[in-house]
Amino acid sequence: MDFLNDINSEWTLFLDRDGVINQKIDNDYVKSIDEFEFIPGVLNTLKDFASLFGRIVVVTNQQGIGKGLMSESNLQEVHGYMLEKIQDAGGRIDQIYFAPQLASENSNYRKPGTGMGLKAKEEFPEIQFEKSILIGDSESDIEFGINLGIKTVMLKNNRQLESKADIICQNLNDFKNQLEQFRNA
């Protein structure tokens, strides 16, 4: 956890979306704005992270597109809504990367593959994976981070779980609180 002291504007924050920023729908996908619900405290947390991290990017598997349950334009509408609310609260997301492929396609673009991270580095060459944190709520998120050499944070969201992550927290706000306590100690 010593790396928490090193975080500054040279660092990049990679965030999963469902279960990190918004409520995850069990056995389904967020297909419209009506189904998108921010996790309590996330907007304030993202506002605080905006002044701490140089880059903030979302990396999200969205196989609901590949399954034909939603279109890419549905996803863009949801992301537009999400970005607007985050900006209104004083936060920011610099870019959103999504993988529409089915898990069965074994695409490297889909987490735990590294494609979305490599695309982010291509578009933002200043990203240094050794100065990055990935926050997710599934082991494929954590494996994505590990595969790129990124520090990892697993969010439990009231579940009992074990993880290879560097840090395990309850939710995004809990990580922010732990980060502040560590940096102020």
C-alpha atoms as a PDB file:
ATOM      1  CA  MET A   1       0.000   0.000   0.000  1.00  0.00           C
ATOM      2  CA  ASP A   2       3.039   2.279   0.135  1.00  0.00           C
ATOM      3  CA  PHE A   3       2.309   3.320  -3.451  1.00  0.00           C
ATOM      4  CA  LEU A   4      -0.674   5.315  -2.141  1.00  0.00           C
ATOM      5  CA  ASN A   5       1.789   7.966  -0.932  1.00  0.00           C
ATOM      6  CA  ASP A   6       3.202   8.302  -4.461  1.00  0.00           C
ATOM      7  CA  ILE A   7      -0.056   9.176  -6.220  1.00  0.00           C
ATOM      8  CA  ASN A   8       0.039  12.541  -7.975  1.00  0.00           C
ATOM      9  CA  SER A   9      -0.975  14.083 -11.300  1.00  0.00           C
ATOM     10  CA  GLU A  10       1.382  11.721 -13.167  1.00  0.00           C
ATOM     11  CA  TRP A  11      -0.859   8.809 -12.155  1.00  0.00           C
ATOM     12  CA  THR A  12      -3.727   7.351 -14.170  1.00  0.00           C
ATOM     13  CA  LEU A  13      -6.903   5.910 -12.663  1.00  0.00           C
ATOM     14  CA  PHE A  14      -8.537   3.079 -14.611  1.00  0.00           C
ATOM     15  CA  LEU A  15     -12.121   2.403 -13.510  1.00  0.00           C
ATOM     16  CA  ASP A  16     -14.479  -0.419 -14.348  1.00  0.00           C
ATOM     17  CA  ARG A  17     -18.042   0.900 -14.729  1.00  0.00           C
ATOM     18  CA  ASP A  18     -20.730  -1.529 -13.515  1.00  0.00           C
ATOM     19  CA  GLY A  19     -20.330  -2.139  -9.789  1.00  0.00           C
ATOM     20  CA  VAL A  20     -17.768   0.671  -9.466  1.00  0.00           C
ATOM     21  CA  ILE A  21     -19.480   3.826 -10.787  1.00  0.00           C
ATOM     22  CA  ASN A  22     -23.046   2.571 -11.135  1.00  0.00           C
ATOM     23  CA  GLN A  23     -25.166  -0.174  -9.614  1.00  0.00           C
ATOM     24  CA  LYS A  24     -24.659  -3.500 -11.348  1.00  0.00           C
ATOM     25  CA  ILE A  25     -27.815  -5.281 -12.498  1.00  0.00           C
ATOM     26  CA  ASP A  26     -27.581  -8.975 -11.609  1.00  0.00           C
ATOM     27  CA  ASN A  27     -27.666 -11.232 -14.679  1.00  0.00           C
ATOM     28  CA  ASP A  28     -28.456  -8.279 -16.955  1.00  0.00           C
ATOM     29  CA  TYR A  29     -26.942  -5.130 -18.457  1.00  0.00           C
ATOM     30  CA  VAL A  30     -27.545  -1.416 -18.052  1.00  0.00           C
ATOM     31  CA  LYS A  31     -29.194  -0.826 -21.422  1.00  0.00           C
ATOM     32  CA  SER A  32     -30.693   2.641 -20.950  1.00  0.00           C
ATOM     33  CA  ILE A  33     -30.454   5.797 -18.861  1.00  0.00           C
ATOM     34  CA  ASP A  34     -33.495   4.596 -16.885  1.00  0.00           C
ATOM     35  CA  GLU A  35     -31.472   1.587 -15.692  1.00  0.00           C
ATOM     36  CA  PHE A  36     -28.342   3.610 -14.824  1.00  0.00           C
ATOM     37  CA  GLU A  37     -28.055   4.415 -11.121  1.00  0.00           C
ATOM     38  CA  PHE A  38     -24.930   5.938  -9.566  1.00  0.00           C
ATOM     39  CA  ILE A  39     -23.615   4.152  -6.474  1.00  0.00           C
ATOM     40  CA  PRO A  40     -24.082   6.518  -3.497  1.00  0.00           C
ATOM     41  CA  GLY A  41     -21.048   8.761  -2.930  1.00  0.00           C
ATOM     42  CA  VAL A  42     -19.452   8.077  -6.329  1.00  0.00           C
ATOM     43  CA  LEU A  43     -20.017  11.561  -7.775  1.00  0.00           C
ATOM     44  CA  ASN A  44     -18.252  13.254  -4.841  1.00  0.00           C
ATOM     45  CA  THR A  45     -15.465  10.682  -4.941  1.00  0.00           C
ATOM     46  CA  LEU A  46     -14.910  11.259  -8.670  1.00  0.00           C
ATOM     47  CA  LYS A  47     -14.779  15.003  -8.026  1.00  0.00           C
ATOM     48  CA  ASP A  48     -11.986  14.418  -5.490  1.00  0.00           C
ATOM     49  CA  PHE A  49     -10.153  12.051  -7.856  1.00  0.00           C
ATOM     50  CA  ALA A  50     -10.275  14.657 -10.659  1.00  0.00           C
ATOM     51  CA  SER A  51      -7.818  16.851  -8.768  1.00  0.00           C
ATOM     52  CA  LEU A  52      -5.573  13.945  -7.783  1.00  0.00           C
ATOM     53  CA  PHE A  53      -5.138  11.868 -10.945  1.00  0.00           C
ATOM     54  CA  GLY A  54      -3.750  13.197 -14.225  1.00  0.00           C
ATOM     55  CA  ARG A  55      -5.930  10.837 -16.274  1.00  0.00           C
ATOM     56  CA  ILE A  56      -9.131   9.011 -15.439  1.00  0.00           C
ATOM     57  CA  VAL A  57     -10.388   6.414 -17.907  1.00  0.00           C
ATOM     58  CA  VAL A  58     -13.187   3.863 -17.818  1.00  0.00           C
ATOM     59  CA  VAL A  59     -12.565   0.353 -19.154  1.00  0.00           C
ATOM     60  CA  THR A  60     -15.752  -1.691 -19.357  1.00  0.00           C
ATOM     61  CA  ASN A  61     -16.770  -5.021 -20.864  1.00  0.00           C
ATOM     62  CA  GLN A  62     -20.152  -4.564 -22.545  1.00  0.00           C
ATOM     63  CA  GLN A  63     -21.041  -7.904 -24.097  1.00  0.00           C
ATOM     64  CA  GLY A  64     -24.721  -6.928 -23.989  1.00  0.00           C
ATOM     65  CA  ILE A  65     -23.939  -5.366 -27.386  1.00  0.00           C
ATOM     66  CA  GLY A  66     -22.433  -8.595 -28.685  1.00  0.00           C
ATOM     67  CA  LYS A  67     -25.484 -10.485 -27.424  1.00  0.00           C
ATOM     68  CA  GLY A  68     -27.807  -8.100 -29.286  1.00  0.00           C
ATOM     69  CA  LEU A  69     -29.511  -6.949 -26.065  1.00  0.00           C
ATOM     70  CA  MET A  70     -28.527  -3.323 -26.696  1.00  0.00           C
ATOM     71  CA  SER A  71     -26.942  -1.261 -29.433  1.00  0.00           C
ATOM     72  CA  GLU A  72     -23.768   0.763 -29.404  1.00  0.00           C
ATOM     73  CA  SER A  73     -25.936   3.894 -29.600  1.00  0.00           C
ATOM     74  CA  ASN A  74     -27.785   2.761 -26.426  1.00  0.00           C
ATOM     75  CA  LEU A  75     -24.396   2.485 -24.723  1.00  0.00           C
ATOM     76  CA  GLN A  76     -23.275   5.896 -25.996  1.00  0.00           C
ATOM     77  CA  GLU A  77     -26.483   7.421 -24.625  1.00  0.00           C
ATOM     78  CA  VAL A  78     -25.843   5.866 -21.194  1.00  0.00           C
ATOM     79  CA  HIS A  79     -22.230   7.058 -21.252  1.00  0.00           C
ATOM     80  CA  GLY A  80     -23.269  10.566 -22.305  1.00  0.00           C
ATOM     81  CA  TYR A  81     -25.648  10.732 -19.350  1.00  0.00           C
ATOM     82  CA  MET A  82     -22.976   9.389 -16.988  1.00  0.00           C
ATOM     83  CA  LEU A  83     -20.357  11.903 -18.205  1.00  0.00           C
ATOM     84  CA  GLU A  84     -22.789  14.808 -17.913  1.00  0.00           C
ATOM     85  CA  LYS A  85     -23.666  13.956 -14.295  1.00  0.00           C
ATOM     86  CA  ILE A  86     -19.989  13.448 -13.378  1.00  0.00           C
ATOM     87  CA  GLN A  87     -19.017  16.797 -14.937  1.00  0.00           C
ATOM     88  CA  ASP A  88     -21.949  18.565 -13.265  1.00  0.00           C
ATOM     89  CA  ALA A  89     -20.614  17.279  -9.919  1.00  0.00           C
ATOM     90  CA  GLY A  90     -17.118  18.637 -10.665  1.00  0.00           C
ATOM     91  CA  GLY A  91     -15.535  15.347 -11.708  1.00  0.00           C
ATOM     92  CA  ARG A  92     -14.217  14.128 -15.028  1.00  0.00           C
ATOM     93  CA  ILE A  93     -13.646  11.032 -17.117  1.00  0.00           C
ATOM     94  CA  ASP A  94     -11.062  11.587 -19.865  1.00  0.00           C
ATOM     95  CA  GLN A  95     -12.079   8.634 -22.020  1.00  0.00           C
ATOM     96  CA  ILE A  96     -14.300   5.554 -22.003  1.00  0.00           C
ATOM     97  CA  TYR A  97     -13.188   2.300 -23.615  1.00  0.00           C
ATOM     98  CA  PHE A  98     -15.668  -0.549 -23.993  1.00  0.00           C
ATOM     99  CA  ALA A  99     -15.416  -4.086 -25.272  1.00  0.00           C
ATOM    100  CA  PRO A 100     -18.620  -5.233 -27.046  1.00  0.00           C
ATOM    101  CA  GLN A 101     -17.239  -8.705 -27.772  1.00  0.00           C
ATOM    102  CA  LEU A 102     -18.750 -11.840 -26.305  1.00  0.00           C
ATOM    103  CA  ALA A 103     -16.684 -13.624 -23.656  1.00  0.00           C
ATOM    104  CA  SER A 104     -16.673 -16.685 -25.942  1.00  0.00           C
ATOM    105  CA  GLU A 105     -14.765 -14.713 -28.605  1.00  0.00           C
ATOM    106  CA  ASN A 106     -11.667 -14.605 -26.352  1.00  0.00           C
ATOM    107  CA  SER A 107     -10.861 -11.113 -27.643  1.00  0.00           C
ATOM    108  CA  ASN A 108      -7.752  -9.489 -26.130  1.00  0.00           C
ATOM    109  CA  TYR A 109      -9.721  -6.222 -26.136  1.00  0.00           C
ATOM    110  CA  ARG A 110     -12.082  -7.637 -23.502  1.00  0.00           C
ATOM    111  CA  LYS A 111     -10.842  -7.759 -19.881  1.00  0.00           C
ATOM    112  CA  PRO A 112      -8.821  -9.611 -18.618  1.00  0.00           C
ATOM    113  CA  GLY A 113      -7.161  -9.010 -21.994  1.00  0.00           C
ATOM    114  CA  THR A 114      -5.061  -5.850 -22.175  1.00  0.00           C
ATOM    115  CA  GLY A 115      -6.537  -4.265 -25.316  1.00  0.00           C
ATOM    116  CA  MET A 116      -8.415  -1.395 -23.676  1.00  0.00           C
ATOM    117  CA  GLY A 117      -5.378  -0.484 -21.569  1.00  0.00           C
ATOM    118  CA  LEU A 118      -3.073  -0.540 -24.594  1.00  0.00           C
ATOM    119  CA  LYS A 119      -5.557   1.606 -26.549  1.00  0.00           C
ATOM    120  CA  ALA A 120      -5.594   4.122 -23.662  1.00  0.00           C
ATOM    121  CA  LYS A 121      -1.787   4.293 -23.693  1.00  0.00           C
ATOM    122  CA  GLU A 122      -1.836   4.744 -27.473  1.00  0.00           C
ATOM    123  CA  GLU A 123      -4.254   7.691 -27.168  1.00  0.00           C
ATOM    124  CA  PHE A 124      -2.578   9.112 -24.026  1.00  0.00           C
ATOM    125  CA  PRO A 125       1.160   8.328 -24.386  1.00  0.00           C
ATOM    126  CA  GLU A 126       1.890   9.903 -20.993  1.00  0.00           C
ATOM    127  CA  ILE A 127       0.148   6.973 -19.261  1.00  0.00           C
ATOM    128  CA  GLN A 128       2.658   4.886 -17.331  1.00  0.00           C
ATOM    129  CA  PHE A 129       1.205   1.570 -16.202  1.00  0.00           C
ATOM    130  CA  GLU A 130       3.558   1.477 -13.197  1.00  0.00           C
ATOM    131  CA  LYS A 131       1.952   4.787 -12.140  1.00  0.00           C
ATOM    132  CA  SER A 132      -1.621   3.598 -12.580  1.00  0.00           C
ATOM    133  CA  ILE A 133      -4.379   2.101 -10.456  1.00  0.00           C
ATOM    134  CA  LEU A 134      -7.226  -0.087 -11.692  1.00  0.00           C
ATOM    135  CA  ILE A 135     -10.373  -0.224  -9.563  1.00  0.00           C
ATOM    136  CA  GLY A 136     -12.815  -3.006 -10.367  1.00  0.00           C
ATOM    137  CA  ASP A 137     -15.311  -5.389  -8.843  1.00  0.00           C
ATOM    138  CA  SER A 138     -14.435  -8.646 -10.606  1.00  0.00           C
ATOM    139  CA  GLU A 139     -11.365 -10.818 -10.813  1.00  0.00           C
ATOM    140  CA  SER A 140     -11.184 -10.203 -14.597  1.00  0.00           C
ATOM    141  CA  ASP A 141     -10.758  -6.490 -13.783  1.00  0.00           C
ATOM    142  CA  ILE A 142      -7.939  -7.324 -11.387  1.00  0.00           C
ATOM    143  CA  GLU A 143      -6.279  -9.670 -13.897  1.00  0.00           C
ATOM    144  CA  PHE A 144      -6.453  -6.885 -16.526  1.00  0.00           C
ATOM    145  CA  GLY A 145      -4.528  -4.621 -14.136  1.00  0.00           C
ATOM    146  CA  ILE A 146      -2.006  -7.305 -13.207  1.00  0.00           C
ATOM    147  CA  ASN A 147      -1.446  -8.149 -16.906  1.00  0.00           C
ATOM    148  CA  LEU A 148      -0.494  -4.494 -17.526  1.00  0.00           C
ATOM    149  CA  GLY A 149       1.576  -4.017 -14.356  1.00  0.00           C
ATOM    150  CA  ILE A 150      -1.046  -1.716 -12.819  1.00  0.00           C
ATOM    151  CA  LYS A 151      -1.778  -1.524  -9.066  1.00  0.00           C
ATOM    152  CA  THR A 152      -5.196  -3.025  -8.381  1.00  0.00           C
ATOM    153  CA  VAL A 153      -8.117  -2.375  -6.045  1.00  0.00           C
ATOM    154  CA  MET A 154     -11.011  -4.832  -5.711  1.00  0.00           C
ATOM    155  CA  LEU A 155     -14.382  -3.496  -4.549  1.00  0.00           C
ATOM    156  CA  LYS A 156     -16.354  -6.004  -2.458  1.00  0.00           C
ATOM    157  CA  ASN A 157     -19.752  -4.287  -2.674  1.00  0.00           C
ATOM    158  CA  ASN A 158     -20.971  -6.227   0.391  1.00  0.00           C
ATOM    159  CA  ARG A 159     -19.711  -9.575  -0.944  1.00  0.00           C
ATOM    160  CA  GLN A 160     -17.350 -12.005   0.735  1.00  0.00           C
ATOM    161  CA  LEU A 161     -14.483 -12.631  -1.628  1.00  0.00           C
ATOM    162  CA  GLU A 162     -10.800 -13.243  -2.013  1.00  0.00           C
ATOM    163  CA  SER A 163      -8.761 -11.482  -4.653  1.00  0.00           C
ATOM    164  CA  LYS A 164      -5.251 -11.108  -6.053  1.00  0.00           C
ATOM    165  CA  ALA A 165      -5.764  -7.328  -5.828  1.00  0.00           C
ATOM    166  CA  ASP A 166      -3.240  -5.121  -4.015  1.00  0.00           C
ATOM    167  CA  ILE A 167      -6.066  -3.620  -1.942  1.00  0.00           C
ATOM    168  CA  ILE A 168      -9.622  -4.762  -1.179  1.00  0.00           C
ATOM    169  CA  CYS A 169     -12.201  -2.095  -0.271  1.00  0.00           C
ATOM    170  CA  GLN A 170     -15.935  -2.038   0.250  1.00  0.00           C
ATOM    171  CA  ASN A 171     -16.669   0.496  -2.533  1.00  0.00           C
ATOM    172  CA  LEU A 172     -15.138   3.477  -4.366  1.00  0.00           C
ATOM    173  CA  ASN A 173     -15.843   5.850  -1.480  1.00  0.00           C
ATOM    174  CA  ASP A 174     -14.161   3.439   0.956  1.00  0.00           C
ATOM    175  CA  PHE A 175     -11.055   3.445  -1.267  1.00  0.00           C
ATOM    176  CA  LYS A 176     -11.049   7.258  -1.267  1.00  0.00           C
ATOM    177  CA  ASN A 177     -11.295   7.292   2.535  1.00  0.00           C
ATOM    178  CA  GLN A 178      -8.471   4.748   2.904  1.00  0.00           C
ATOM    179  CA  LEU A 179      -6.351   6.733   0.454  1.00  0.00           C
ATOM    180  CA  GLU A 180      -6.908   9.954   2.417  1.00  0.00           C
ATOM    181  CA  GLN A 181      -6.135   8.277   5.751  1.00  0.00           C
ATOM    182  CA  PHE A 182      -2.964   6.715   4.362  1.00  0.00           C
ATOM    183  CA  ARG A 183      -1.765   9.977   2.821  1.00  0.00           C
ATOM    184  CA  ASN A 184      -2.548  11.993   5.963  1.00  0.00           C
ATOM    185  CA  ALA A 185      -0.920   9.494   8.378  1.00  0.00           C
END
